[in-house]
Amino acid sequence: MKKLSAFFIAAVMMFSASMLTGCKNEENSEVATQPNTELEQTQKELDQIKQDSTKLDRYVNDLKKEINSLKIENQRLIAQTKRLEAQVIDLKLELGQVPESDSADMLDKDAEPTPAANNAESTPAP
């Protein structure tokens, strides 16, 4: 009977040990998969940030190119305006009219002529 109870106690101890080992393995596998899941999620977020960053870099470069194109177009328009203003002065000189000092100042401006300059141009010279 002592042998039977010793065997029974040994069997219970072995069963308990195997259960504890199984529970620990299960916990370890849960712990091991959880960081992997977080790692995978973080990796996905990082990849998305990289993609967004690349898209933003392209967008910024496109905007810079557009700004440069607009600056060039602005310079062309300024040059064209100055050429037209010079032609107006030449035509006035051919007609015997003396251009006003405001006309020479307009060559340096990027904006449209002032209302005073418009009134002066529209009234005929005596």
C-alpha atoms as a PDB file:
ATOM      1  CA  MET A   1       0.000   0.000   0.000  1.00  0.00           C
ATOM      2  CA  LYS A   2       2.886   2.301   0.697  1.00  0.00           C
ATOM      3  CA  LYS A   3       4.184   1.576  -2.780  1.00  0.00           C
ATOM      4  CA  LEU A   4       0.801   2.324  -4.287  1.00  0.00           C
ATOM      5  CA  SER A   5       0.459   5.636  -2.452  1.00  0.00           C
ATOM      6  CA  ALA A   6       4.053   6.544  -3.342  1.00  0.00           C
ATOM      7  CA  PHE A   7       3.291   5.718  -6.975  1.00  0.00           C
ATOM      8  CA  PHE A   8       0.091   7.762  -6.796  1.00  0.00           C
ATOM      9  CA  ILE A   9       1.926  10.723  -5.263  1.00  0.00           C
ATOM     10  CA  ALA A  10       4.646  10.458  -7.902  1.00  0.00           C
ATOM     11  CA  ALA A  11       2.025  10.350 -10.672  1.00  0.00           C
ATOM     12  CA  VAL A  12       0.265  13.431  -9.271  1.00  0.00           C
ATOM     13  CA  MET A  13       3.599  15.222  -9.019  1.00  0.00           C
ATOM     14  CA  MET A  14       4.454  14.333 -12.635  1.00  0.00           C
ATOM     15  CA  PHE A  15       1.019  15.424 -13.806  1.00  0.00           C
ATOM     16  CA  SER A  16       1.331  18.727 -11.907  1.00  0.00           C
ATOM     17  CA  ALA A  17       4.802  19.301 -13.304  1.00  0.00           C
ATOM     18  CA  SER A  18       3.640  18.659 -16.861  1.00  0.00           C
ATOM     19  CA  MET A  19       0.644  20.956 -16.364  1.00  0.00           C
ATOM     20  CA  LEU A  20       2.867  23.728 -15.012  1.00  0.00           C
ATOM     21  CA  THR A  21       5.277  23.291 -17.894  1.00  0.00           C
ATOM     22  CA  GLY A  22       2.412  23.378 -20.390  1.00  0.00           C
ATOM     23  CA  CYS A  23       0.979  26.534 -18.840  1.00  0.00           C
ATOM     24  CA  LYS A  24       4.371  28.222 -18.901  1.00  0.00           C
ATOM     25  CA  ASN A  25       4.872  27.287 -22.551  1.00  0.00           C
ATOM     26  CA  GLU A  26       1.435  28.652 -23.376  1.00  0.00           C
ATOM     27  CA  GLU A  27       2.189  31.900 -21.545  1.00  0.00           C
ATOM     28  CA  ASN A  28       5.560  32.167 -23.291  1.00  0.00           C
ATOM     29  CA  SER A  29       3.961  31.637 -26.672  1.00  0.00           C
ATOM     30  CA  GLU A  30       1.373  34.340 -25.896  1.00  0.00           C
ATOM     31  CA  VAL A  31       4.091  36.712 -24.748  1.00  0.00           C
ATOM     32  CA  ALA A  32       6.189  35.841 -27.776  1.00  0.00           C
ATOM     33  CA  THR A  33       3.346  36.456 -30.239  1.00  0.00           C
ATOM     34  CA  GLN A  34       2.221  39.679 -28.597  1.00  0.00           C
ATOM     35  CA  PRO A  35       5.527  41.534 -29.099  1.00  0.00           C
ATOM     36  CA  ASN A  36       5.680  40.184 -32.647  1.00  0.00           C
ATOM     37  CA  THR A  37       2.221  41.591 -33.276  1.00  0.00           C
ATOM     38  CA  GLU A  38       3.235  44.949 -31.820  1.00  0.00           C
ATOM     39  CA  LEU A  39       6.453  44.820 -33.794  1.00  0.00           C
ATOM     40  CA  GLU A  40       4.569  44.041 -36.990  1.00  0.00           C
ATOM     41  CA  GLN A  41       2.090  46.854 -36.294  1.00  0.00           C
ATOM     42  CA  THR A  42       4.932  49.295 -35.619  1.00  0.00           C
ATOM     43  CA  GLN A  43       6.680  48.151 -38.799  1.00  0.00           C
ATOM     44  CA  LYS A  44       3.491  48.719 -40.815  1.00  0.00           C
ATOM     45  CA  GLU A  45       3.096  52.179 -39.313  1.00  0.00           C
ATOM     46  CA  LEU A  46       6.730  52.969 -40.105  1.00  0.00           C
ATOM     47  CA  ASP A  47       6.289  51.817 -43.704  1.00  0.00           C
ATOM     48  CA  GLN A  48       3.169  53.978 -44.016  1.00  0.00           C
ATOM     49  CA  ILE A  49       5.051  56.981 -42.623  1.00  0.00           C
ATOM     50  CA  LYS A  50       7.858  56.393 -45.116  1.00  0.00           C
ATOM     51  CA  GLN A  51       5.362  56.220 -47.985  1.00  0.00           C
ATOM     52  CA  ASP A  52       3.627  59.379 -46.791  1.00  0.00           C
ATOM     53  CA  SER A  53       6.975  61.110 -46.415  1.00  0.00           C
ATOM     54  CA  THR A  54       7.968  60.128 -49.941  1.00  0.00           C
ATOM     55  CA  LYS A  55       4.652  61.433 -51.291  1.00  0.00           C
ATOM     56  CA  LEU A  56       5.083  64.679 -49.389  1.00  0.00           C
ATOM     57  CA  ASP A  57       8.635  65.078 -50.702  1.00  0.00           C
ATOM     58  CA  ARG A  58       7.360  64.651 -54.264  1.00  0.00           C
ATOM     59  CA  TYR A  59       4.558  67.127 -53.605  1.00  0.00           C
ATOM     60  CA  VAL A  60       7.004  69.694 -52.176  1.00  0.00           C
ATOM     61  CA  ASN A  61       9.317  69.248 -55.171  1.00  0.00           C
ATOM     62  CA  ASP A  62       6.388  69.711 -57.556  1.00  0.00           C
ATOM     63  CA  LEU A  63       5.380  72.873 -55.711  1.00  0.00           C
ATOM     64  CA  LYS A  64       8.953  74.200 -55.909  1.00  0.00           C
ATOM     65  CA  LYS A  65       8.991  73.549 -59.659  1.00  0.00           C
ATOM     66  CA  GLU A  66       5.643  75.298 -60.033  1.00  0.00           C
ATOM     67  CA  ILE A  67       6.906  78.295 -58.019  1.00  0.00           C
ATOM     68  CA  ASN A  68       9.993  78.521 -60.232  1.00  0.00           C
ATOM     69  CA  SER A  69       7.824  78.334 -63.353  1.00  0.00           C
ATOM     70  CA  LEU A  70       5.593  81.102 -62.014  1.00  0.00           C
ATOM     71  CA  LYS A  71       8.629  83.248 -61.188  1.00  0.00           C
ATOM     72  CA  ILE A  72       9.917  82.814 -64.739  1.00  0.00           C
ATOM     73  CA  GLU A  73       6.492  83.645 -66.170  1.00  0.00           C
ATOM     74  CA  ASN A  74       6.310  86.707 -63.920  1.00  0.00           C
ATOM     75  CA  GLN A  75       9.700  87.894 -65.201  1.00  0.00           C
ATOM     76  CA  ARG A  76       8.540  87.374 -68.811  1.00  0.00           C
ATOM     77  CA  LEU A  77       5.405  89.410 -68.153  1.00  0.00           C
ATOM     78  CA  ILE A  78       7.413  92.187 -66.486  1.00  0.00           C
ATOM     79  CA  ALA A  79       9.763  92.287 -69.468  1.00  0.00           C
ATOM     80  CA  GLN A  80       6.824  92.355 -71.886  1.00  0.00           C
ATOM     81  CA  THR A  81       5.195  95.177 -69.913  1.00  0.00           C
ATOM     82  CA  LYS A  82       8.404  97.182 -70.030  1.00  0.00           C
ATOM     83  CA  ARG A  83       8.737  96.614 -73.782  1.00  0.00           C
ATOM     84  CA  LEU A  84       5.158  97.775 -74.316  1.00  0.00           C
ATOM     85  CA  GLU A  85       5.700 100.837 -72.143  1.00  0.00           C
ATOM     86  CA  ALA A  86       8.839 101.656 -74.145  1.00  0.00           C
ATOM     87  CA  GLN A  87       6.862 101.308 -77.375  1.00  0.00           C
ATOM     88  CA  VAL A  88       4.234 103.723 -76.005  1.00  0.00           C
ATOM     89  CA  ILE A  89       6.975 106.235 -75.212  1.00  0.00           C
ATOM     90  CA  ASP A  90       8.467 105.785 -78.707  1.00  0.00           C
ATOM     91  CA  LEU A  91       5.056 106.326 -80.304  1.00  0.00           C
ATOM     92  CA  LYS A  92       4.488 109.472 -78.247  1.00  0.00           C
ATOM     93  CA  LEU A  93       7.898 110.765 -79.305  1.00  0.00           C
ATOM     94  CA  GLU A  94       7.071 110.069 -82.962  1.00  0.00           C
ATOM     95  CA  LEU A  95       3.846 112.030 -82.574  1.00  0.00           C
ATOM     96  CA  GLY A  96       5.785 114.917 -81.082  1.00  0.00           C
ATOM     97  CA  GLN A  97       4.481 114.470 -77.584  1.00  0.00           C
ATOM     98  CA  VAL A  98       6.866 114.676 -74.688  1.00  0.00           C
ATOM     99  CA  PRO A  99       6.332 111.728 -72.335  1.00  0.00           C
ATOM    100  CA  GLU A 100       5.655 112.681 -68.742  1.00  0.00           C
ATOM    101  CA  SER A 101       8.099 111.807 -66.039  1.00  0.00           C
ATOM    102  CA  ASP A 102       5.519 109.317 -64.689  1.00  0.00           C
ATOM    103  CA  SER A 103       5.981 107.218 -67.827  1.00  0.00           C
ATOM    104  CA  ALA A 104       9.671 106.740 -67.107  1.00  0.00           C
ATOM    105  CA  ASP A 105       8.857 105.748 -63.532  1.00  0.00           C
ATOM    106  CA  MET A 106       6.398 103.140 -64.796  1.00  0.00           C
ATOM    107  CA  LEU A 107       9.243 101.285 -66.438  1.00  0.00           C
ATOM    108  CA  ASP A 108      10.525 100.408 -62.970  1.00  0.00           C
ATOM    109  CA  LYS A 109       7.173  99.272 -61.558  1.00  0.00           C
ATOM    110  CA  ASP A 110       5.752  95.760 -61.711  1.00  0.00           C
ATOM    111  CA  ALA A 111       2.181  96.908 -61.197  1.00  0.00           C
ATOM    112  CA  GLU A 112      -0.378  98.426 -63.533  1.00  0.00           C
ATOM    113  CA  PRO A 113      -0.216 102.175 -64.155  1.00  0.00           C
ATOM    114  CA  THR A 114      -1.726 104.402 -61.519  1.00  0.00           C
ATOM    115  CA  PRO A 115      -5.072 106.133 -62.197  1.00  0.00           C
ATOM    116  CA  ALA A 116      -3.282 109.493 -62.492  1.00  0.00           C
ATOM    117  CA  ALA A 117      -1.077 108.101 -65.257  1.00  0.00           C
ATOM    118  CA  ASN A 118      -4.159 106.715 -67.027  1.00  0.00           C
ATOM    119  CA  ASN A 119      -5.857 110.124 -66.916  1.00  0.00           C
ATOM    120  CA  ALA A 120      -2.741 111.825 -68.237  1.00  0.00           C
ATOM    121  CA  GLU A 121      -2.485 109.400 -71.142  1.00  0.00           C
ATOM    122  CA  SER A 122      -6.147 109.648 -72.074  1.00  0.00           C
ATOM    123  CA  THR A 123      -6.255 113.445 -72.271  1.00  0.00           C
ATOM    124  CA  PRO A 124      -4.872 114.896 -75.473  1.00  0.00           C
ATOM    125  CA  ALA A 125      -1.864 117.165 -75.274  1.00  0.00           C
ATOM    126  CA  PRO A 126      -2.380 120.868 -76.171  1.00  0.00           C
END
